PDB file of N, CA and C in Angstrom:
ATOM      1  N   MET A   1      38.978  38.902  58.904  1.00  0.00           N
ATOM      2  CA  MET A   1      37.749  39.487  58.388  1.00  0.00           C
ATOM      3  C   MET A   1      37.248  40.498  59.410  1.00  0.00           C
ATOM      4  N   LYS A   2      36.880  41.672  58.927  1.00  0.00           N
ATOM      5  CA  LYS A   2      36.347  42.710  59.800  1.00  0.00           C
ATOM      6  C   LYS A   2      35.032  42.254  60.423  1.00  0.00           C
ATOM      7  N   GLU A   3      34.722  42.822  61.571  1.00  0.00           N
ATOM      8  CA  GLU A   3      33.477  42.473  62.271  1.00  0.00           C
ATOM      9  C   GLU A   3      32.251  42.778  61.406  1.00  0.00           C
ATOM     10  N   GLU A   4      32.281  43.898  60.700  1.00  0.00           N
ATOM     11  CA  GLU A   4      31.164  44.273  59.815  1.00  0.00           C
ATOM     12  C   GLU A   4      30.959  43.222  58.716  1.00  0.00           C
ATOM     13  N   ASP A   5      32.059  42.744  58.139  1.00  0.00           N
ATOM     14  CA  ASP A   5      31.968  41.722  57.099  1.00  0.00           C
ATOM     15  C   ASP A   5      31.472  40.398  57.666  1.00  0.00           C
ATOM     16  N   LYS A   6      31.891  40.063  58.899  1.00  0.00           N
ATOM     17  CA  LYS A   6      31.437  38.832  59.536  1.00  0.00           C
ATOM     18  C   LYS A   6      29.928  38.895  59.780  1.00  0.00           C
ATOM     19  N   LYS A   7      29.443  40.027  60.234  1.00  0.00           N
ATOM     20  CA  LYS A   7      28.005  40.178  60.477  1.00  0.00           C
ATOM     21  C   LYS A   7      27.219  40.074  59.165  1.00  0.00           C
ATOM     22  N   ARG A   8      27.772  40.649  58.114  1.00  0.00           N
ATOM     23  CA  ARG A   8      27.124  40.542  56.801  1.00  0.00           C
ATOM     24  C   ARG A   8      27.121  39.086  56.341  1.00  0.00           C
ATOM     25  N   SER A   9      28.237  38.382  56.580  1.00  0.00           N
ATOM     26  CA  SER A   9      28.290  36.949  56.271  1.00  0.00           C
ATOM     27  C   SER A   9      27.230  36.197  57.061  1.00  0.00           C
ATOM     28  N   ASP A  10      27.069  36.557  58.337  1.00  0.00           N
ATOM     29  CA  ASP A  10      26.049  35.907  59.168  1.00  0.00           C
ATOM     30  C   ASP A  10      24.662  36.085  58.566  1.00  0.00           C
ATOM     31  N   ARG A  11      24.387  37.264  58.020  1.00  0.00           N
ATOM     32  CA  ARG A  11      23.072  37.503  57.410  1.00  0.00           C
ATOM     33  C   ARG A  11      22.908  36.668  56.140  1.00  0.00           C
ATOM     34  N   VAL A  12      23.969  36.562  55.347  1.00  0.00           N
ATOM     35  CA  VAL A  12      23.926  35.731  54.150  1.00  0.00           C
ATOM     36  C   VAL A  12      23.705  34.270  54.547  1.00  0.00           C
ATOM     37  N   ILE A  13      24.408  33.810  55.564  1.00  0.00           N
ATOM     38  CA  ILE A  13      24.271  32.427  56.031  1.00  0.00           C
ATOM     39  C   ILE A  13      22.853  32.173  56.523  1.00  0.00           C
ATOM     40  N   GLU A  14      22.294  33.129  57.240  1.00  0.00           N
ATOM     41  CA  GLU A  14      20.921  32.986  57.729  1.00  0.00           C
ATOM     42  C   GLU A  14      19.946  32.811  56.564  1.00  0.00           C
ATOM     43  N   ILE A  15      20.107  33.629  55.548  1.00  0.00           N
ATOM     44  CA  ILE A  15      19.240  33.539  54.365  1.00  0.00           C
ATOM     45  C   ILE A  15      19.447  32.189  53.687  1.00  0.00           C
ATOM     46  N   PHE A  16      20.707  31.798  53.514  1.00  0.00           N
ATOM     47  CA  PHE A  16      21.026  30.521  52.884  1.00  0.00           C
ATOM     48  C   PHE A  16      20.356  29.370  53.627  1.00  0.00           C
ATOM     49  N   LYS A  17      20.504  29.329  54.941  1.00  0.00           N
ATOM     50  CA  LYS A  17      19.922  28.243  55.728  1.00  0.00           C
ATOM     51  C   LYS A  17      18.399  28.255  55.652  1.00  0.00           C
ATOM     52  N   GLU A  18      17.812  29.446  55.702  1.00  0.00           N
ATOM     53  CA  GLU A  18      16.352  29.572  55.679  1.00  0.00           C
ATOM     54  C   GLU A  18      15.762  29.064  54.359  1.00  0.00           C
ATOM     55  N   THR A  19      16.505  29.193  53.269  1.00  0.00           N
ATOM     56  CA  THR A  19      15.967  28.729  51.984  1.00  0.00           C
ATOM     57  C   THR A  19      15.841  27.209  51.946  1.00  0.00           C
ATOM     58  N   GLY A  20      16.644  26.508  52.749  1.00  0.00           N
ATOM     59  CA  GLY A  20      16.600  25.058  52.753  1.00  0.00           C
ATOM     60  C   GLY A  20      17.311  24.430  51.567  1.00  0.00           C
ATOM     61  N   LEU A  21      18.019  25.235  50.809  1.00  0.00           N
ATOM     62  CA  LEU A  21      18.745  24.736  49.637  1.00  0.00           C
ATOM     63  C   LEU A  21      20.142  24.292  50.035  1.00  0.00           C
ATOM     64  N   ASN A  22      20.743  23.427  49.226  1.00  0.00           N
ATOM     65  CA  ASN A  22      22.152  23.133  49.456  1.00  0.00           C
ATOM     66  C   ASN A  22      22.981  24.201  48.731  1.00  0.00           C
ATOM     67  N   GLN A  23      24.292  24.168  48.925  1.00  0.00           N
ATOM     68  CA  GLN A  23      25.140  25.219  48.344  1.00  0.00           C
ATOM     69  C   GLN A  23      25.055  25.252  46.820  1.00  0.00           C
ATOM     70  N   ARG A  24      24.996  24.090  46.197  1.00  0.00           N
ATOM     71  CA  ARG A  24      24.919  24.054  44.735  1.00  0.00           C
ATOM     72  C   ARG A  24      23.624  24.706  44.255  1.00  0.00           C
ATOM     73  N   GLN A  25      22.511  24.329  44.856  1.00  0.00           N
ATOM     74  CA  GLN A  25      21.210  24.887  44.467  1.00  0.00           C
ATOM     75  C   GLN A  25      21.177  26.399  44.709  1.00  0.00           C
ATOM     76  N   PHE A  26      21.674  26.812  45.871  1.00  0.00           N
ATOM     77  CA  PHE A  26      21.693  28.234  46.220  1.00  0.00           C
ATOM     78  C   PHE A  26      22.533  29.012  45.211  1.00  0.00           C
ATOM     79  N   SER A  27      23.701  28.477  44.866  1.00  0.00           N
ATOM     80  CA  SER A  27      24.576  29.171  43.919  1.00  0.00           C
ATOM     81  C   SER A  27      23.945  29.233  42.528  1.00  0.00           C
ATOM     82  N   GLU A  28      23.264  28.164  42.111  1.00  0.00           N
ATOM     83  CA  GLU A  28      22.608  28.164  40.801  1.00  0.00           C
ATOM     84  C   GLU A  28      21.497  29.204  40.744  1.00  0.00           C
ATOM     85  N   ILE A  29      20.715  29.284  41.802  1.00  0.00           N
ATOM     86  CA  ILE A  29      19.623  30.259  41.832  1.00  0.00           C
ATOM     87  C   ILE A  29      20.179  31.681  41.754  1.00  0.00           C
ATOM     88  N   LEU A  30      21.281  31.897  42.455  1.00  0.00           N
ATOM     89  CA  LEU A  30      21.875  33.238  42.467  1.00  0.00           C
ATOM     90  C   LEU A  30      22.679  33.525  41.213  1.00  0.00           C
ATOM     91  N   GLY A  31      23.053  32.479  40.485  1.00  0.00           N
ATOM     92  CA  GLY A  31      23.866  32.678  39.290  1.00  0.00           C
ATOM     93  C   GLY A  31      25.313  32.986  39.622  1.00  0.00           C
ATOM     94  N   ILE A  32      25.792  32.419  40.713  1.00  0.00           N
ATOM     95  CA  ILE A  32      27.186  32.622  41.135  1.00  0.00           C
ATOM     96  C   ILE A  32      27.831  31.259  41.342  1.00  0.00           C
ATOM     97  N   SER A  33      29.120  31.250  41.600  1.00  0.00           N
ATOM     98  CA  SER A  33      29.817  29.979  41.780  1.00  0.00           C
ATOM     99  C   SER A  33      29.526  29.396  43.158  1.00  0.00           C
ATOM    100  N   GLN A  34      29.535  28.069  43.209  1.00  0.00           N
ATOM    101  CA  GLN A  34      29.359  27.390  44.482  1.00  0.00           C
ATOM    102  C   GLN A  34      30.548  27.691  45.396  1.00  0.00           C
ATOM    103  N   GLN A  35      31.718  27.921  44.803  1.00  0.00           N
ATOM    104  CA  GLN A  35      32.907  28.239  45.589  1.00  0.00           C
ATOM    105  C   GLN A  35      32.713  29.543  46.364  1.00  0.00           C
ATOM    106  N   LEU A  36      32.062  30.528  45.733  1.00  0.00           N
ATOM    107  CA  LEU A  36      31.813  31.797  46.423  1.00  0.00           C
ATOM    108  C   LEU A  36      30.871  31.584  47.596  1.00  0.00           C
ATOM    109  N   VAL A  37      29.810  30.820  47.389  1.00  0.00           N
ATOM    110  CA  VAL A  37      28.875  30.536  48.486  1.00  0.00           C
ATOM    111  C   VAL A  37      29.610  29.832  49.616  1.00  0.00           C
ATOM    112  N   SER A  38      30.389  28.823  49.278  1.00  0.00           N
ATOM    113  CA  SER A  38      31.137  28.072  50.280  1.00  0.00           C
ATOM    114  C   SER A  38      32.100  28.970  51.058  1.00  0.00           C
ATOM    115  N   ALA A  39      32.790  29.833  50.341  1.00  0.00           N
ATOM    116  CA  ALA A  39      33.758  30.724  50.991  1.00  0.00           C
ATOM    117  C   ALA A  39      33.074  31.689  51.957  1.00  0.00           C
ATOM    118  N   VAL A  40      31.904  32.200  51.574  1.00  0.00           N
ATOM    119  CA  VAL A  40      31.180  33.126  52.456  1.00  0.00           C
ATOM    120  C   VAL A  40      30.642  32.369  53.662  1.00  0.00           C
ATOM    121  N   VAL A  41      30.060  31.196  53.428  1.00  0.00           N
ATOM    122  CA  VAL A  41      29.485  30.400  54.516  1.00  0.00           C
ATOM    123  C   VAL A  41      30.565  29.963  55.508  1.00  0.00           C
ATOM    124  N   ASN A  42      31.772  29.733  55.013  1.00  0.00           N
ATOM    125  CA  ASN A  42      32.875  29.301  55.879  1.00  0.00           C
ATOM    126  C   ASN A  42      33.745  30.465  56.370  1.00  0.00           C
ATOM    127  N   TYR A  43      33.304  31.679  56.121  1.00  0.00           N
ATOM    128  CA  TYR A  43      33.997  32.903  56.559  1.00  0.00           C
ATOM    129  C   TYR A  43      35.408  33.035  56.003  1.00  0.00           C
ATOM    130  N   THR A  44      35.673  32.420  54.858  1.00  0.00           N
ATOM    131  CA  THR A  44      36.995  32.593  54.259  1.00  0.00           C
ATOM    132  C   THR A  44      37.014  33.736  53.254  1.00  0.00           C
ATOM    133  N   LYS A  45      35.826  34.223  52.901  1.00  0.00           N
ATOM    134  CA  LYS A  45      35.732  35.368  52.006  1.00  0.00           C
ATOM    135  C   LYS A  45      34.536  36.199  52.433  1.00  0.00           C
ATOM    136  N   LYS A  46      34.729  37.509  52.420  1.00  0.00           N
ATOM    137  CA  LYS A  46      33.600  38.366  52.789  1.00  0.00           C
ATOM    138  C   LYS A  46      32.598  38.415  51.642  1.00  0.00           C
ATOM    139  N   PRO A  47      31.326  38.615  51.969  1.00  0.00           N
ATOM    140  CA  PRO A  47      30.316  38.689  50.902  1.00  0.00           C
ATOM    141  C   PRO A  47      30.559  39.918  50.032  1.00  0.00           C
ATOM    142  N   ASN A  48      30.781  39.707  48.752  1.00  0.00           N
ATOM    143  CA  ASN A  48      31.025  40.826  47.841  1.00  0.00           C
ATOM    144  C   ASN A  48      29.716  41.282  47.205  1.00  0.00           C
ATOM    145  N   GLU A  49      29.809  42.288  46.354  1.00  0.00           N
ATOM    146  CA  GLU A  49      28.616  42.843  45.710  1.00  0.00           C
ATOM    147  C   GLU A  49      27.887  41.797  44.870  1.00  0.00           C
ATOM    148  N   THR A  50      28.646  40.893  44.262  1.00  0.00           N
ATOM    149  CA  THR A  50      28.050  39.870  43.400  1.00  0.00           C
ATOM    150  C   THR A  50      27.029  39.039  44.158  1.00  0.00           C
ATOM    151  N   ILE A  51      27.424  38.516  45.303  1.00  0.00           N
ATOM    152  CA  ILE A  51      26.513  37.660  46.064  1.00  0.00           C
ATOM    153  C   ILE A  51      25.397  38.477  46.712  1.00  0.00           C
ATOM    154  N   LEU A  52      25.727  39.658  47.207  1.00  0.00           N
ATOM    155  CA  LEU A  52      24.717  40.477  47.876  1.00  0.00           C
ATOM    156  C   LEU A  52      23.626  40.932  46.906  1.00  0.00           C
ATOM    157  N   LEU A  53      24.035  41.414  45.740  1.00  0.00           N
ATOM    158  CA  LEU A  53      23.044  41.871  44.757  1.00  0.00           C
ATOM    159  C   LEU A  53      22.246  40.690  44.191  1.00  0.00           C
ATOM    160  N   ALA A  54      22.892  39.545  44.054  1.00  0.00           N
ATOM    161  CA  ALA A  54      22.177  38.359  43.578  1.00  0.00           C
ATOM    162  C   ALA A  54      21.108  37.939  44.580  1.00  0.00           C
ATOM    163  N   ILE A  55      21.431  37.993  45.863  1.00  0.00           N
ATOM    164  CA  ILE A  55      20.450  37.656  46.900  1.00  0.00           C
ATOM    165  C   ILE A  55      19.281  38.628  46.845  1.00  0.00           C
ATOM    166  N   ILE A  56      19.581  39.905  46.748  1.00  0.00           N
ATOM    167  CA  ILE A  56      18.509  40.918  46.677  1.00  0.00           C
ATOM    168  C   ILE A  56      17.625  40.669  45.464  1.00  0.00           C
ATOM    169  N   ASP A  57      18.239  40.287  44.358  1.00  0.00           N
ATOM    170  CA  ASP A  57      17.506  40.096  43.108  1.00  0.00           C
ATOM    171  C   ASP A  57      16.742  38.774  43.052  1.00  0.00           C
ATOM    172  N   LYS A  58      17.274  37.722  43.661  1.00  0.00           N
ATOM    173  CA  LYS A  58      16.727  36.374  43.437  1.00  0.00           C
ATOM    174  C   LYS A  58      15.990  35.749  44.628  1.00  0.00           C
ATOM    175  N   ILE A  59      16.047  36.367  45.801  1.00  0.00           N
ATOM    176  CA  ILE A  59      15.424  35.781  46.981  1.00  0.00           C
ATOM    177  C   ILE A  59      14.286  36.688  47.465  1.00  0.00           C
ATOM    178  N   LYS A  60      13.140  36.066  47.765  1.00  0.00           N
ATOM    179  CA  LYS A  60      11.969  36.813  48.244  1.00  0.00           C
ATOM    180  C   LYS A  60      12.173  37.254  49.686  1.00  0.00           C
ATOM    181  N   ASN A  61      11.483  38.321  50.053  1.00  0.00           N
ATOM    182  CA  ASN A  61      11.408  38.834  51.428  1.00  0.00           C
ATOM    183  C   ASN A  61      12.724  39.389  51.956  1.00  0.00           C
ATOM    184  N   ILE A  62      13.573  39.870  51.077  1.00  0.00           N
ATOM    185  CA  ILE A  62      14.844  40.454  51.512  1.00  0.00           C
ATOM    186  C   ILE A  62      14.680  41.961  51.658  1.00  0.00           C
ATOM    187  N   ASP A  63      15.064  42.465  52.814  1.00  0.00           N
ATOM    188  CA  ASP A  63      15.168  43.905  52.998  1.00  0.00           C
ATOM    189  C   ASP A  63      16.616  44.251  52.646  1.00  0.00           C
ATOM    190  N   PRO A  64      16.841  44.899  51.499  1.00  0.00           N
ATOM    191  CA  PRO A  64      18.227  45.171  51.080  1.00  0.00           C
ATOM    192  C   PRO A  64      19.035  45.934  52.120  1.00  0.00           C
ATOM    193  N   MET A  65      18.410  46.862  52.792  1.00  0.00           N
ATOM    194  CA  MET A  65      19.127  47.642  53.812  1.00  0.00           C
ATOM    195  C   MET A  65      19.593  46.728  54.944  1.00  0.00           C
ATOM    196  N   TRP A  66      18.714  45.803  55.343  1.00  0.00           N
ATOM    197  CA  TRP A  66      19.090  44.866  56.403  1.00  0.00           C
ATOM    198  C   TRP A  66      20.244  43.986  55.938  1.00  0.00           C
ATOM    199  N   LEU A  67      20.143  43.455  54.715  1.00  0.00           N
ATOM    200  CA  LEU A  67      21.200  42.577  54.217  1.00  0.00           C
ATOM    201  C   LEU A  67      22.544  43.303  54.163  1.00  0.00           C
ATOM    202  N   LEU A  68      22.534  44.518  53.658  1.00  0.00           N
ATOM    203  CA  LEU A  68      23.786  45.251  53.465  1.00  0.00           C
ATOM    204  C   LEU A  68      24.352  45.835  54.748  1.00  0.00           C
ATOM    205  N   THR A  69      23.475  46.326  55.632  1.00  0.00           N
ATOM    206  CA  THR A  69      23.958  47.060  56.798  1.00  0.00           C
ATOM    207  C   THR A  69      23.553  46.471  58.139  1.00  0.00           C
ATOM    208  N   GLY A  70      22.543  45.628  58.153  1.00  0.00           N
ATOM    209  CA  GLY A  70      22.026  45.112  59.417  1.00  0.00           C
ATOM    210  C   GLY A  70      20.936  46.008  59.985  1.00  0.00           C
ATOM    211  N   ILE A  71      20.709  47.142  59.335  1.00  0.00           N
ATOM    212  CA  ILE A  71      19.674  48.083  59.773  1.00  0.00           C
ATOM    213  C   ILE A  71      18.430  47.830  58.941  1.00  0.00           C
ATOM    214  N   GLY A  72      17.308  47.860  59.574  1.00  0.00           N
ATOM    215  CA  GLY A  72      16.074  47.636  58.848  1.00  0.00           C
ATOM    216  C   GLY A  72      15.372  46.413  59.378  1.00  0.00           C
ATOM    217  N   GLU A  73      14.460  45.915  58.590  1.00  0.00           N
ATOM    218  CA  GLU A  73      13.621  44.824  59.039  1.00  0.00           C
ATOM    219  C   GLU A  73      14.158  43.482  58.568  1.00  0.00           C
ATOM    220  N   GLN A  74      14.415  42.617  59.551  1.00  0.00           N
ATOM    221  CA  GLN A  74      14.826  41.256  59.229  1.00  0.00           C
ATOM    222  C   GLN A  74      13.549  40.446  59.003  1.00  0.00           C
ATOM    223  N   MET A  75      13.453  39.854  57.854  1.00  0.00           N
ATOM    224  CA  MET A  75      12.270  39.079  57.509  1.00  0.00           C
ATOM    225  C   MET A  75      12.545  37.602  57.778  1.00  0.00           C
ATOM    226  N   SER A  76      11.610  36.787  57.359  1.00  0.00           N
ATOM    227  CA  SER A  76      11.808  35.342  57.409  1.00  0.00           C
ATOM    228  C   SER A  76      11.147  34.765  56.171  1.00  0.00           C
ATOM    229  N   ASN A  77      11.078  33.465  56.115  1.00  0.00           N
ATOM    230  CA  ASN A  77      10.536  32.786  54.933  1.00  0.00           C
ATOM    231  C   ASN A  77      11.287  33.178  53.676  1.00  0.00           C
ATOM    232  N   TYR A  78      12.602  33.178  53.769  1.00  0.00           N
ATOM    233  CA  TYR A  78      13.414  33.486  52.594  1.00  0.00           C
ATOM    234  C   TYR A  78      13.290  32.334  51.616  1.00  0.00           C
ATOM    235  N   THR A  79      12.748  32.610  50.475  1.00  0.00           N
ATOM    236  CA  THR A  79      12.586  31.583  49.449  1.00  0.00           C
ATOM    237  C   THR A  79      13.047  32.143  48.116  1.00  0.00           C
ATOM    238  N   PRO A  80      13.541  31.273  47.258  1.00  0.00           N
ATOM    239  CA  PRO A  80      13.942  31.752  45.932  1.00  0.00           C
ATOM    240  C   PRO A  80      12.733  32.280  45.174  1.00  0.00           C
ATOM    241  N   LYS A  81      12.966  33.332  44.426  1.00  0.00           N
ATOM    242  CA  LYS A  81      11.933  33.800  43.515  1.00  0.00           C
ATOM    243  C   LYS A  81      11.804  32.764  42.420  1.00  0.00           C
ATOM    244  N   GLU A  82      10.735  32.835  41.684  1.00  0.00           N
ATOM    245  CA  GLU A  82      10.516  31.871  40.603  1.00  0.00           C
ATOM    246  C   GLU A  82      11.565  32.116  39.525  1.00  0.00           C
ATOM    247  N   VAL A  83      12.641  31.376  39.605  1.00  0.00           N
ATOM    248  CA  VAL A  83      13.693  31.466  38.595  1.00  0.00           C
ATOM    249  C   VAL A  83      13.991  30.081  38.067  1.00  0.00           C
ATOM    250  N   GLU A  84      14.539  30.040  36.912  1.00  0.00           N
ATOM    251  CA  GLU A  84      14.863  28.772  36.291  1.00  0.00           C
ATOM    252  C   GLU A  84      16.349  28.502  36.428  1.00  0.00           C
ATOM    253  N   SER A  85      16.655  27.249  36.610  1.00  0.00           N
ATOM    254  CA  SER A  85      18.054  26.866  36.694  1.00  0.00           C
ATOM    255  C   SER A  85      18.682  27.002  35.305  1.00  0.00           C
ATOM    256  N   PRO A  86      19.992  27.061  35.245  1.00  0.00           N
ATOM    257  CA  PRO A  86      20.652  27.137  33.934  1.00  0.00           C
ATOM    258  C   PRO A  86      20.274  25.968  33.023  1.00  0.00           C
ATOM    259  N   ILE A  87      20.061  24.796  33.600  1.00  0.00           N
ATOM    260  CA  ILE A  87      19.676  23.635  32.791  1.00  0.00           C
ATOM    261  C   ILE A  87      18.295  23.862  32.184  1.00  0.00           C
ATOM    262  N   GLU A  88      17.349  24.356  33.004  1.00  0.00           N
ATOM    263  CA  GLU A  88      16.003  24.627  32.491  1.00  0.00           C
ATOM    264  C   GLU A  88      16.045  25.662  31.373  1.00  0.00           C
ATOM    265  N   LEU A  89      16.835  26.704  31.558  1.00  0.00           N
ATOM    266  CA  LEU A  89      16.954  27.736  30.530  1.00  0.00           C
ATOM    267  C   LEU A  89      17.517  27.154  29.239  1.00  0.00           C
ATOM    268  N   HIS A  90      18.527  26.306  29.364  1.00  0.00           N
ATOM    269  CA  HIS A  90      19.146  25.689  28.181  1.00  0.00           C
ATOM    270  C   HIS A  90      18.135  24.801  27.451  1.00  0.00           C
ATOM    271  N   ILE A  91      17.394  24.003  28.201  1.00  0.00           N
ATOM    272  CA  ILE A  91      16.388  23.128  27.588  1.00  0.00           C
ATOM    273  C   ILE A  91      15.320  23.961  26.887  1.00  0.00           C
ATOM    274  N   LYS A  92      14.882  25.044  27.526  1.00  0.00           N
ATOM    275  CA  LYS A  92      13.869  25.905  26.902  1.00  0.00           C
ATOM    276  C   LYS A  92      14.383  26.518  25.605  1.00  0.00           C
ATOM    277  N   LYS A  93      15.655  26.902  25.575  1.00  0.00           N
ATOM    278  CA  LYS A  93      16.231  27.457  24.351  1.00  0.00           C
ATOM    279  C   LYS A  93      16.221  26.425  23.230  1.00  0.00           C
ATOM    280  N   ILE A  94      16.585  25.200  23.582  1.00  0.00           N
ATOM    281  CA  ILE A  94      16.602  24.127  22.582  1.00  0.00           C
ATOM    282  C   ILE A  94      15.192  23.881  22.060  1.00  0.00           C
ATOM    283  N   VAL A  95      14.233  23.778  22.969  1.00  0.00           N
ATOM    284  CA  VAL A  95      12.847  23.520  22.575  1.00  0.00           C
ATOM    285  C   VAL A  95      12.309  24.673  21.730  1.00  0.00           C
ATOM    286  N   LYS A  96      12.626  25.896  22.124  1.00  0.00           N
ATOM    287  CA  LYS A  96      12.160  27.057  21.364  1.00  0.00           C
ATOM    288  C   LYS A  96      12.730  27.038  19.946  1.00  0.00           C
ATOM    289  N   LYS A  97      14.012  26.736  19.838  1.00  0.00           N
ATOM    290  CA  LYS A  97      14.651  26.684  18.520  1.00  0.00           C
ATOM    291  C   LYS A  97      14.004  25.603  17.658  1.00  0.00           C
ATOM    292  N   GLU A  98      13.799  24.424  18.236  1.00  0.00           N
ATOM    293  CA  GLU A  98      13.167  23.325  17.504  1.00  0.00           C
ATOM    294  C   GLU A  98      11.748  23.709  17.085  1.00  0.00           C
ATOM    295  N   PHE A  99      11.006  24.359  17.980  1.00  0.00           N
ATOM    296  CA  PHE A  99       9.641  24.777  17.684  1.00  0.00           C
ATOM    297  C   PHE A  99       9.627  25.783  16.532  1.00  0.00           C
ATOM    298  N   GLU A 100      10.552  26.749  16.573  1.00  0.00           N
ATOM    299  CA  GLU A 100      10.615  27.753  15.510  1.00  0.00           C
ATOM    300  C   GLU A 100      10.942  27.103  14.163  1.00  0.00           C
ATOM    301  N   GLU A 101      11.883  26.174  14.165  1.00  0.00           N
ATOM    302  CA  GLU A 101      12.243  25.487  12.915  1.00  0.00           C
ATOM    303  C   GLU A 101      11.064  24.665  12.393  1.00  0.00           C
ATOM    304  N   LEU A 102      10.389  23.964  13.274  1.00  0.00           N
ATOM    305  CA  LEU A 102       9.230  23.169  12.884  1.00  0.00           C
ATOM    306  C   LEU A 102       8.112  24.069  12.358  1.00  0.00           C
ATOM    307  N   SER A 103       7.887  25.188  13.028  1.00  0.00           N
ATOM    308  CA  SER A 103       6.857  26.135  12.594  1.00  0.00           C
ATOM    309  C   SER A 103       7.165  26.677  11.199  1.00  0.00           C
ATOM    310  N   GLN A 104       8.418  27.031  10.958  1.00  0.00           N
ATOM    311  CA  GLN A 104       8.810  27.532   9.639  1.00  0.00           C
ATOM    312  C   GLN A 104       8.600  26.465   8.572  1.00  0.00           C
ATOM    313  N   ASP A 105       8.933  25.248   8.903  1.00  0.00           N
ATOM    314  CA  ASP A 105       8.757  24.146   7.964  1.00  0.00           C
ATOM    315  C   ASP A 105       7.274  23.954   7.628  1.00  0.00           C
ATOM    316  N   ILE A 106       6.441  23.992   8.643  1.00  0.00           N
ATOM    317  CA  ILE A 106       4.996  23.839   8.427  1.00  0.00           C
ATOM    318  C   ILE A 106       4.451  24.996   7.595  1.00  0.00           C
ATOM    319  N   LEU A 107       4.863  26.210   7.923  1.00  0.00           N
ATOM    320  CA  LEU A 107       4.400  27.373   7.156  1.00  0.00           C
ATOM    321  C   LEU A 107       4.846  27.287   5.698  1.00  0.00           C
ATOM    322  N   GLN A 108       6.046  26.810   5.465  1.00  0.00           N
ATOM    323  CA  GLN A 108       6.538  26.662   4.104  1.00  0.00           C
ATOM    324  C   GLN A 108       5.718  25.619   3.342  1.00  0.00           C
ATOM    325  N   LYS A 109       5.416  24.515   3.993  1.00  0.00           N
ATOM    326  CA  LYS A 109       4.609  23.468   3.350  1.00  0.00           C
ATOM    327  C   LYS A 109       3.197  23.983   3.050  1.00  0.00           C
ATOM    328  N   LEU A 110       2.618  24.739   3.978  1.00  0.00           N
ATOM    329  CA  LEU A 110       1.292  25.319   3.734  1.00  0.00           C
ATOM    330  C   LEU A 110       1.321  26.283   2.552  1.00  0.00           C
ATOM    331  N   SER A 111       2.371  27.067   2.489  1.00  0.00           N
ATOM    332  CA  SER A 111       2.522  27.998   1.379  1.00  0.00           C
ATOM    333  C   SER A 111       2.643  27.243   0.057  1.00  0.00           C
ATOM    334  N   ASN A 112       3.401  26.154   0.058  1.00  0.00           N
ATOM    335  CA  ASN A 112       3.552  25.333  -1.147  1.00  0.00           C
ATOM    336  C   ASN A 112       2.203  24.745  -1.573  1.00  0.00           C
ATOM    337  N   ILE A 113       1.418  24.298  -0.602  1.00  0.00           N
ATOM    338  CA  ILE A 113       0.101  23.739  -0.905  1.00  0.00           C
ATOM    339  C   ILE A 113      -0.797  24.821  -1.502  1.00  0.00           C
ATOM    340  N   GLU A 114      -0.787  26.010  -0.895  1.00  0.00           N
ATOM    341  CA  GLU A 114      -1.596  27.129  -1.418  1.00  0.00           C
ATOM    342  C   GLU A 114      -1.191  27.453  -2.850  1.00  0.00           C
ATOM    343  N   ASP A 115       0.112  27.487  -3.122  1.00  0.00           N
ATOM    344  CA  ASP A 115       0.599  27.771  -4.459  1.00  0.00           C
ATOM    345  C   ASP A 115       0.147  26.686  -5.449  1.00  0.00           C
ATOM    346  N   SER A 116       0.213  25.442  -5.024  1.00  0.00           N
ATOM    347  CA  SER A 116      -0.218  24.323  -5.882  1.00  0.00           C
ATOM    348  C   SER A 116      -1.694  24.433  -6.202  1.00  0.00           C
ATOM    349  N   VAL A 117      -2.502  24.790  -5.222  1.00  0.00           N
ATOM    350  CA  VAL A 117      -3.947  24.926  -5.423  1.00  0.00           C
ATOM    351  C   VAL A 117      -4.230  26.080  -6.393  1.00  0.00           C
ATOM    352  N   LYS A 118      -3.536  27.204  -6.209  1.00  0.00           N
ATOM    353  CA  LYS A 118      -3.726  28.355  -7.100  1.00  0.00           C
ATOM    354  C   LYS A 118      -3.340  28.004  -8.537  1.00  0.00           C
ATOM    355  N   ASN A 119      -2.222  27.311  -8.686  1.00  0.00           N
ATOM    356  CA  ASN A 119      -1.719  26.954 -10.020  1.00  0.00           C
ATOM    357  C   ASN A 119      -2.604  25.920 -10.712  1.00  0.00           C
ATOM    358  N   SER A 120      -3.246  25.073  -9.949  1.00  0.00           N
ATOM    359  CA  SER A 120      -4.097  24.045 -10.549  1.00  0.00           C
ATOM    360  C   SER A 120      -5.450  24.615 -10.973  1.00  0.00           C
ATOM    361  N   ASN A 121      -5.832  25.756 -10.459  1.00  0.00           N
ATOM    362  CA  ASN A 121      -7.113  26.367 -10.829  1.00  0.00           C
ATOM    363  C   ASN A 121      -6.905  27.249 -12.002  1.00  0.00           C
TER     364      ASN A 121
END
């Protein structure tokens, strides 16, 4: 691994450690595989665009220039932005679908009642 890639890995590792998350949690927040996080943390793979852009997008207090090049302001208090895990997103989709179906059912019943009232008058 080139020295530049190792230094970039060091910055990724610093951010990872500062978040206080484990590799699984960190990978879920970033939307990448845990294997990629593990490979970068263990210096077996250089940080690619996928992980770097995910960090910029999903972690607070990141100076993109610092992350990519080492130039710029190194921050601290790296914390995940308010994002939902894939499980939370899946549950919300299910609940939303159920809510929409229930709402349609209620609206249909109300419409039927209105029609019955009109027809009886």
